[in-house]
Protein backbone atom coordinates (compact mmCIF):
# COMPACT_ATOMS: atom_id res chain seq x y z
CA MET A 1 92.18 -105.81 -242.99
CA ALA A 2 88.91 -106.42 -245.08
CA LYS A 3 87.11 -103.73 -246.37
CA LEU A 4 83.61 -103.33 -244.65
CA LEU A 5 81.17 -105.47 -246.23
CA GLU A 6 78.43 -103.65 -247.98
CA TYR A 7 76.11 -104.62 -250.60
CA GLY A 8 75.48 -102.56 -253.64
CA VAL A 9 72.13 -101.15 -254.31
CA LYS A 10 70.73 -99.85 -257.67
CA LYS A 11 68.96 -96.88 -256.42
CA LEU A 12 72.33 -96.00 -254.56
CA ARG A 13 74.04 -95.43 -257.84
CA LYS A 14 75.51 -91.95 -258.62
CA ILE A 15 77.65 -89.93 -261.11
CA GLN A 16 79.13 -86.79 -260.20
CA PHE A 17 81.19 -84.36 -262.20
CA GLY A 18 83.86 -81.80 -261.60
CA ILE A 19 85.32 -79.42 -263.97
CA GLU A 20 89.04 -80.00 -264.32
CA GLY A 21 91.37 -77.04 -264.75
CA ALA A 22 91.69 -75.59 -268.28
CA ALA A 23 95.66 -75.73 -268.09
CA THR A 24 95.56 -79.18 -266.22
CA PRO A 25 93.34 -81.63 -268.05
CA GLY A 26 93.50 -85.08 -266.28
CA THR A 27 94.43 -83.61 -262.90
CA PRO A 28 91.39 -84.98 -260.65
CA VAL A 29 89.27 -82.47 -258.99
CA LEU A 30 86.40 -82.79 -256.47
CA ALA A 31 82.92 -83.30 -258.07
CA SER A 32 80.62 -80.11 -258.06
CA THR A 33 77.50 -81.21 -259.70
CA ILE A 34 75.66 -84.51 -259.86
CA TRP A 35 74.50 -86.09 -263.26
CA ARG A 36 70.76 -86.32 -263.34
CA GLY A 37 70.64 -89.57 -265.42
CA THR A 38 72.04 -93.11 -265.65
CA GLY A 39 75.30 -94.28 -266.96
CA THR A 40 77.90 -97.13 -266.63
CA LEU A 41 81.42 -97.11 -266.34
CA GLU A 42 83.60 -99.54 -268.50
CA ASP A 43 87.33 -100.36 -267.81
CA GLN A 44 89.00 -100.30 -271.26
CA ARG A 45 92.64 -101.67 -269.89
CA VAL A 46 94.04 -104.20 -272.56
CA VAL A 47 95.47 -107.47 -270.98
CA THR A 48 97.85 -109.64 -273.23
CA ARG A 49 99.37 -112.85 -272.54
CA PRO A 50 102.76 -113.32 -274.34
CA ASP A 51 103.39 -116.36 -276.38
CA GLU A 52 106.11 -118.42 -274.75
CA ASP A 53 107.98 -121.78 -276.02
CA ILE A 54 108.81 -122.97 -272.34
CA GLY A 55 107.71 -126.57 -272.63
CA TYR A 56 104.03 -126.27 -271.38
CA LEU A 57 100.99 -127.12 -273.03
CA VAL A 58 99.15 -124.33 -271.21
CA GLY A 59 99.96 -120.63 -270.64
CA THR A 60 101.51 -119.20 -267.49
CA ASP A 61 100.22 -116.49 -265.33
CA ARG A 62 102.48 -113.77 -267.25
CA VAL A 63 100.57 -110.98 -268.21
CA THR A 64 100.94 -107.55 -269.38
CA ILE A 65 98.84 -104.40 -269.25
CA PRO A 66 100.05 -102.08 -272.03
CA MET A 67 97.00 -99.79 -272.06
CA LYS A 68 94.57 -98.24 -269.58
CA GLY A 69 91.38 -96.16 -269.97
CA SER A 70 87.84 -95.82 -269.02
CA VAL A 71 84.55 -95.29 -270.99
CA LEU A 72 81.39 -93.79 -269.25
CA ASN A 73 78.29 -94.31 -271.32
CA LEU A 74 75.52 -91.75 -270.30
CA GLU A 75 71.69 -91.73 -270.82
CA GLU A 76 69.25 -89.35 -269.67
CA VAL A 77 66.29 -87.33 -270.69
CA ALA A 78 67.67 -84.25 -272.49
CA THR A 79 67.57 -81.11 -270.44
CA PHE A 80 68.50 -77.44 -271.48
CA GLU A 81 71.08 -77.33 -268.48
CA GLN A 82 72.90 -80.73 -268.46
CA ILE A 83 73.64 -80.61 -272.35
CA LEU A 84 76.20 -77.82 -271.77
CA THR A 85 78.48 -80.59 -269.92
CA ILE A 86 78.24 -82.72 -273.14
CA LEU A 87 79.10 -79.93 -275.44
CA GLU A 88 81.89 -78.21 -273.45
CA THR A 89 83.58 -81.61 -273.14
CA GLY A 90 83.06 -82.61 -276.81
CA ILE A 91 82.59 -79.57 -279.07
CA LYS A 92 84.19 -76.32 -277.49
CA THR A 93 84.61 -74.37 -274.23
CA VAL A 94 82.45 -71.44 -274.87
CA THR A 95 81.61 -68.15 -272.64
CA PRO A 96 77.82 -67.45 -272.71
CA ALA A 97 76.65 -64.25 -274.25
CA ALA A 98 74.09 -62.11 -272.34
CA ASP A 99 70.61 -62.18 -274.37
CA GLY A 100 70.40 -58.54 -274.59
CA GLY A 101 68.44 -57.15 -271.60
CA GLY A 102 66.77 -60.59 -270.87
CA SER A 103 67.77 -63.25 -268.22
CA GLY A 104 68.85 -65.93 -270.77
CA LYS A 105 72.30 -67.03 -271.42
CA VAL A 106 73.31 -67.97 -275.14
CA TYR A 107 76.02 -70.42 -275.54
CA THR A 108 77.12 -71.11 -279.02
CA TYR A 109 79.19 -74.19 -280.02
CA PRO A 110 80.42 -74.19 -283.54
CA ILE A 111 81.36 -77.60 -285.06
CA ALA A 112 85.18 -77.55 -286.03
CA MET A 113 85.49 -76.99 -289.74
CA THR A 114 89.02 -75.61 -290.26
CA GLY A 115 91.03 -76.38 -286.96
CA ALA A 116 91.24 -77.81 -283.56
CA GLN A 117 88.81 -76.44 -280.87
CA THR A 118 89.63 -76.94 -277.14
CA VAL A 119 87.26 -78.57 -274.78
CA ARG A 120 87.12 -78.56 -270.94
CA THR A 121 87.32 -82.08 -269.33
CA ARG A 122 85.79 -83.47 -266.40
CA THR A 123 86.58 -85.54 -263.34
CA GLY A 124 83.78 -88.49 -262.75
CA GLU A 125 82.85 -89.86 -259.58
CA VAL A 126 80.83 -93.01 -260.53
CA GLY A 127 79.75 -96.01 -258.59
CA ASP A 128 77.33 -96.79 -255.71
CA ASN A 129 77.10 -97.53 -251.90
CA GLN A 130 79.49 -100.22 -252.23
CA GLU A 131 82.31 -98.48 -254.13
CA MET A 132 83.33 -95.47 -255.94
CA SER A 133 85.79 -94.91 -258.97
CA VAL A 134 87.53 -91.58 -259.95
CA ALA A 135 87.67 -91.31 -263.81
CA PRO A 136 89.96 -88.19 -264.82
CA PHE A 137 90.31 -86.48 -268.11
CA LEU A 138 86.74 -87.27 -269.30
CA PHE A 139 85.82 -85.90 -272.73
CA THR A 140 82.82 -86.57 -275.03
CA ARG A 141 83.59 -88.65 -277.98
CA GLU A 142 80.11 -88.98 -279.55
CA PHE A 143 76.59 -88.06 -278.46
CA THR A 144 73.10 -88.74 -279.67
CA ILE A 145 69.99 -86.39 -279.17
CA SER A 146 66.68 -88.22 -280.18
CA GLY A 147 63.04 -87.64 -280.02
CA SER A 148 59.63 -88.92 -281.02
CA GLN A 149 56.08 -88.62 -280.71
CA LYS A 150 54.57 -87.89 -277.28
CA GLN A 151 58.00 -88.43 -275.65
CA PRO A 152 60.68 -86.25 -274.08
CA MET A 153 63.89 -85.86 -275.71
CA MET A 154 66.52 -88.24 -274.97
CA LEU A 155 70.18 -87.54 -274.63
CA SER A 156 73.03 -90.28 -274.70
CA ALA A 157 76.89 -89.83 -274.77
CA VAL A 158 80.09 -91.64 -274.74
CA MET A 159 82.83 -90.11 -272.56
CA GLU A 160 86.32 -91.43 -272.80
CA GLY A 161 88.96 -90.70 -270.08
CA ARG A 162 91.90 -91.94 -268.24
CA SER A 163 91.61 -95.18 -266.17
CA ALA A 164 88.92 -95.23 -263.39
CA GLU A 165 90.20 -96.43 -260.15
CA PRO A 166 88.89 -96.36 -256.51
CA LEU A 167 91.12 -94.45 -253.91
CA ILE A 168 91.41 -97.06 -250.96
CA TYR A 169 94.14 -97.19 -248.62
CA SER A 170 94.66 -99.84 -245.74
CA ALA A 171 97.17 -99.13 -242.90
CA SER A 172 97.31 -99.02 -238.94
CA LEU A 173 95.77 -95.65 -238.30
CA VAL A 174 95.59 -93.45 -235.27
CA TYR A 175 92.16 -91.35 -234.72
CA VAL A 176 92.86 -88.45 -232.31
CA ASN A 177 89.86 -87.08 -230.93
CA ALA A 178 91.17 -83.67 -229.56
CA THR A 179 92.59 -82.70 -232.78
CA LYS A 180 90.09 -84.40 -235.19
CA LYS A 181 93.45 -85.81 -236.97
CA ILE A 182 93.92 -89.28 -238.49
CA THR A 183 97.70 -90.01 -238.48
CA ASP A 184 99.63 -92.62 -240.34
CA ALA A 185 103.27 -93.63 -239.35
CA ALA A 186 103.66 -95.19 -242.97
CA ALA A 187 102.84 -91.57 -244.48
CA GLY A 188 100.44 -92.90 -246.96
CA LEU A 189 97.60 -90.11 -246.89
CA ALA A 190 98.88 -87.63 -249.21
CA ALA A 191 96.20 -88.80 -252.01
CA PHE A 192 93.37 -87.63 -249.49
CA LEU A 193 92.70 -83.80 -250.46
CA THR A 194 91.08 -81.23 -248.79
CA GLY A 195 87.32 -81.47 -249.23
CA MET A 196 87.22 -85.03 -249.97
CA SER A 197 84.53 -87.08 -248.52
CA ILE A 198 85.95 -90.31 -247.04
CA ARG A 199 84.67 -93.40 -245.26
CA ALA A 200 86.56 -95.35 -242.61
CA SER A 201 85.94 -98.92 -241.67
CA GLY A 202 87.50 -101.82 -239.89
CA THR A 203 87.85 -99.67 -236.68
CA VAL A 204 86.37 -100.13 -233.13
CA SER A 205 84.62 -97.05 -232.88
CA ASP A 206 85.57 -94.58 -235.59
CA ASP A 207 83.79 -96.12 -238.64
CA GLY A 208 82.02 -93.66 -240.28
CA VAL A 209 81.93 -90.95 -243.07
CA TYR A 210 84.02 -87.86 -242.69
CA THR A 211 85.02 -84.53 -244.52
CA VAL A 212 88.76 -83.86 -244.98
CA ALA A 213 89.20 -80.26 -243.68
CA THR A 214 92.96 -80.42 -244.47
CA GLY A 215 94.60 -82.89 -246.78
CA GLY A 216 97.26 -83.47 -249.09
CA VAL A 217 99.82 -84.43 -246.15
CA ALA A 218 101.39 -87.95 -246.23
CA GLY A 219 101.68 -88.22 -242.50
CA GLU A 220 98.07 -86.94 -241.37
CA ILE A 221 94.71 -85.56 -242.26
CA VAL A 222 92.16 -83.28 -240.40
CA VAL A 223 88.58 -83.99 -240.54
CA THR A 224 85.73 -81.64 -239.78
CA GLU A 225 83.73 -84.12 -237.64
CA THR A 226 84.47 -85.57 -234.11
CA LEU A 227 86.40 -88.71 -233.95
CA PRO A 228 85.91 -91.01 -231.07
CA GLY A 229 89.53 -91.78 -230.93
CA GLU A 230 91.70 -94.88 -231.33
CA THR A 231 95.46 -95.70 -231.22
CA ALA A 232 97.11 -97.73 -233.97
CA VAL A 233 94.06 -99.57 -235.39
CA ALA A 234 94.14 -101.54 -238.57
CA SER A 235 91.61 -99.84 -240.81
CA ILE A 236 90.70 -98.61 -244.25
CA LEU A 237 90.11 -95.33 -245.83
CA GLU A 238 88.38 -94.94 -248.85
CA GLN A 239 87.10 -91.94 -251.07
CA VAL A 240 83.31 -91.88 -251.40
CA PHE A 241 81.16 -89.35 -253.31
CA THR A 242 81.73 -85.82 -252.67
CA ALA A 243 79.17 -84.64 -250.41
CA ALA A 244 79.37 -80.93 -251.56
CA ALA A 245 78.27 -81.81 -255.15
CA THR A 246 74.88 -80.21 -255.79
CA LEU A 247 71.77 -81.64 -257.54
CA PRO A 248 71.10 -79.08 -260.30
CA THR A 249 67.49 -77.76 -261.29
CA VAL A 250 66.89 -78.89 -264.82
CA SER A 251 64.15 -78.39 -267.55
CA GLU A 252 63.27 -81.25 -269.80
CA MET A 253 63.43 -80.87 -273.73
CA LEU A 254 60.08 -82.33 -274.98
CA PHE A 255 59.78 -83.54 -278.56
CA GLY A 256 56.32 -81.83 -279.02
CA ASN A 257 57.96 -78.38 -278.56
CA SER A 258 60.25 -78.85 -281.51
CA LYS A 259 60.02 -77.25 -284.93
CA VAL A 260 62.20 -77.89 -288.13
CA TYR A 261 63.09 -75.48 -290.60
CA ILE A 262 64.64 -76.13 -294.06
CA ASP A 263 66.08 -73.35 -296.31
CA ALA A 264 68.06 -73.03 -299.54
CA SER A 265 71.63 -72.94 -299.10
CA GLY A 266 71.77 -69.22 -299.91
CA GLY A 267 68.81 -68.22 -297.76
CA THR A 268 68.68 -67.47 -294.21
CA ILE A 269 68.57 -70.43 -291.78
CA GLY A 270 65.43 -70.88 -289.75
CA THR A 271 63.15 -69.26 -292.12
CA THR A 272 61.05 -71.97 -293.63
CA GLN A 273 59.04 -74.41 -291.10
CA ILE A 274 58.32 -77.86 -292.11
CA ALA A 275 54.95 -77.92 -290.29
CA ASN A 276 52.82 -80.89 -289.60
CA THR A 277 55.40 -83.37 -290.90
CA ILE A 278 58.20 -84.41 -288.44
CA LEU A 279 57.26 -87.58 -286.47
CA GLY A 280 60.70 -88.31 -285.19
CA MET A 281 64.50 -87.42 -285.20
CA THR A 282 67.82 -88.68 -284.26
CA TYR A 283 70.93 -86.09 -284.26
CA LYS A 284 74.26 -87.81 -284.10
CA CYS A 285 77.46 -86.30 -283.46
CA LYS A 286 81.06 -87.76 -283.56
CA THR A 287 82.77 -84.76 -281.86
CA GLY A 288 86.32 -85.28 -283.82
CA GLN A 289 87.98 -85.18 -280.24
CA GLN A 290 90.41 -88.23 -280.11
CA ALA A 291 92.72 -89.60 -277.50
CA VAL A 292 96.13 -89.95 -278.27
CA TYR A 293 98.37 -92.47 -276.32
CA SER A 294 101.93 -91.50 -276.57
CA ALA A 295 105.24 -92.41 -274.77
CA ASP A 296 104.87 -90.02 -272.10
CA GLY A 297 105.15 -91.72 -268.80
CA GLY A 298 101.79 -93.16 -268.74
CA LEU A 299 99.52 -96.08 -270.01
CA ASP A 300 96.44 -94.07 -270.36
CA LEU A 301 95.75 -91.10 -272.76
CA ARG A 302 98.15 -88.27 -272.72
CA PHE A 303 96.37 -85.59 -274.79
CA LEU A 304 93.50 -84.89 -277.17
CA LYS A 305 93.57 -84.04 -280.84
CA GLN A 306 90.97 -82.78 -283.18
CA VAL A 307 90.07 -84.82 -285.96
CA ALA A 308 87.24 -84.72 -288.49
CA PRO A 309 83.88 -84.36 -286.75
CA GLU A 310 80.66 -86.20 -288.24
CA VAL A 311 77.17 -84.78 -287.83
CA SER A 312 73.99 -86.29 -289.40
CA LEU A 313 70.23 -85.97 -288.70
CA ASP A 314 67.68 -88.61 -289.17
CA LEU A 315 64.16 -87.29 -289.60
CA VAL A 316 61.02 -89.26 -289.65
CA MET A 317 58.48 -87.55 -291.81
CA GLU A 318 54.74 -87.82 -292.55
CA TRP A 319 54.39 -88.91 -296.20
CA ASN A 320 53.09 -85.84 -297.59
CA GLY A 321 53.98 -82.97 -300.23
CA LYS A 322 56.68 -81.34 -298.07
CA ALA A 323 58.51 -84.81 -297.57
CA SER A 324 57.87 -85.46 -301.10
CA ALA A 325 59.51 -82.14 -302.01
CA GLN A 326 62.51 -83.01 -299.98
CA ARG A 327 62.98 -86.33 -301.59
CA VAL A 328 63.10 -84.42 -304.82
CA ILE A 329 65.81 -82.15 -303.52
CA ALA A 330 67.66 -85.24 -302.01
CA LYS A 331 67.59 -86.81 -305.69
CA ALA A 332 69.19 -83.73 -306.99
CA GLY A 333 72.04 -83.73 -304.44
CA THR A 334 71.12 -80.00 -303.53
CA ALA A 335 72.56 -78.29 -300.27
CA GLN A 336 70.32 -76.94 -297.98
CA LYS A 337 70.41 -75.27 -294.65
CA LEU A 338 68.43 -77.24 -291.88
CA ARG A 339 67.49 -76.13 -288.31
CA TYR A 340 65.96 -78.04 -285.50
CA LEU A 341 64.78 -75.96 -282.58
CA CYS A 342 63.39 -77.35 -279.34
CA GLU A 343 62.02 -74.79 -276.85
CA GLY A 344 61.27 -75.11 -273.27
CA PRO A 345 60.28 -73.17 -270.26
CA THR A 346 59.72 -69.24 -270.48
CA LEU A 347 62.93 -67.18 -269.49
CA THR A 348 62.49 -65.05 -266.47
CA THR A 349 62.93 -62.17 -268.68
CA ALA A 350 62.73 -62.08 -272.41
CA GLY A 351 65.57 -60.76 -274.67
CA ALA A 352 66.38 -62.26 -278.25
CA TYR A 353 64.88 -65.31 -276.82
CA SER A 354 61.78 -65.75 -274.92
CA LYS A 355 62.10 -69.32 -274.00
CA LYS A 356 64.94 -71.91 -273.05
CA SER A 357 66.07 -73.24 -276.37
CA VAL A 358 68.33 -75.89 -278.25
CA ILE A 359 69.06 -75.09 -281.80
CA LEU A 360 70.71 -77.65 -283.97
CA ASP A 361 71.97 -76.17 -287.27
CA ILE A 362 73.34 -78.18 -290.12
CA TYR A 363 74.40 -77.31 -293.48
CA GLY A 364 74.61 -80.13 -295.89
CA THR A 365 72.57 -82.60 -298.27
CA TRP A 366 70.21 -85.42 -297.88
CA ASP A 367 72.38 -88.78 -297.73
CA THR A 368 69.42 -91.09 -297.97
CA PHE A 369 65.80 -91.21 -298.34
CA LYS A 370 63.96 -94.35 -297.71
CA VAL A 371 61.23 -95.73 -299.58
CA PRO A 372 57.90 -94.89 -297.60
CA GLY A 373 57.18 -97.05 -294.53
CA GLU A 374 54.19 -97.49 -291.98
CA GLN A 375 53.52 -96.42 -288.56
CA ASP A 376 50.25 -97.36 -287.05
CA GLY A 377 48.70 -97.63 -290.50
CA ASP A 378 50.40 -94.27 -291.51
CA ASP A 379 52.57 -93.93 -294.42
CA ILE A 380 55.87 -92.37 -293.38
CA VAL A 381 59.33 -91.75 -294.82
CA THR A 382 62.96 -91.37 -293.19
CA GLY A 383 65.48 -89.19 -294.66
CA THR A 384 69.37 -88.78 -293.43
CA PHE A 385 70.61 -85.29 -293.61
CA VAL A 386 74.45 -84.92 -293.30
CA MET A 387 76.71 -82.12 -292.53
CA GLY A 388 79.05 -80.57 -295.17
CA LYS A 389 81.33 -77.61 -294.65
CA HIS A 390 80.28 -74.37 -294.12
CA ALA A 391 81.69 -71.29 -292.22
CA THR A 392 78.81 -70.54 -289.98
CA ALA A 393 75.68 -72.82 -290.46
CA ASN A 394 76.95 -75.73 -288.57
CA GLN A 395 76.66 -75.07 -284.72
CA ILE A 396 74.50 -75.80 -281.66
CA ILE A 397 73.17 -72.97 -279.64
CA VAL A 398 71.84 -73.56 -276.23
CA VAL A 399 69.89 -70.80 -274.31
CA ASN A 400 69.11 -71.16 -270.62
CA GLN A 401 69.80 -69.02 -267.52
CA LEU A 402 73.10 -70.85 -266.31
CA ALA A 403 75.96 -68.51 -266.00
CA ALA A 404 78.48 -71.49 -266.75
CA ALA A 405 78.30 -75.13 -267.93
CA LEU A 406 77.75 -77.59 -265.19
């Protein structure tokens, strides 16, 4: 039985995430939220062809697949809400603090300095109207936040996970009108779980999308919708995007609403603003979360371990006295505290914060300071600030009004 012929449409692509259990990373869950951005899902499986001396000039069809995995590359206009998904899957799982008597929720993500930090993985549903794949155990390996004049801030991320596969099952199925059951004499329906959205195709009258009301049973599933009813018809069931996933309300981060502060290593971070100088920025973070492929009964990643994170911030600056002073400090190799602050819409009720905020705090030194360049006839200079160890000054703080990460 062939799958229903349907042509993929770019505008019908979608990415959805479900939050996996803290104690069961890698166990797929249904999606709860839609990612408001774009992305591509890459198959990372390794295919090898063993060498053989068998008397042929060409190779045979013998292949082996020793490793499976997937990489999800995300792009979006950075928002004060969806950035939590990236930080929770890459930096640490945190519980937000109430912003005093205000409506703000304050999420503080410390960069790992002395030991491992636990993240919360996601199950991704990625595809289009033609086919959807499920990618479990997604964590953020690295991400970049960037901004430039007259533009919104941008967020890109690389998420790594287990092998992404579509859930498609072909068999002779019975569609029962009276009980809304789909039954299978071959007992192959256990993978279709309660809450799933599924599509039936190849039938005479029961083609369509249904919601699984009772699933996880090999011999039958019960759906919410009415079934016209057919007996023993060769058909295909496949999982499609979870219909219950919601489209979140988000607020965009805008470069013009940013400020940069640079203070001495012994001073208070966020005190001295570098005004009328910053023309662009690129914050890069390799989270230090690393997939481990062990002999543990599977070809894809088995667990995560914490290795050294790497953080840097490129700043494009007006070539003025403030930039010149920073280049002098760079040549001396003097450590400083740097804060990048982007503010957004006003919170419903002010507390310690009055606006949605993303704060990038880095303790470190200038790594490079390029010779002055030119931008539209204006002299500019670019410096790269690199993170060094500090007990409290390397962190990301997000303030919004969400009670939990998406």
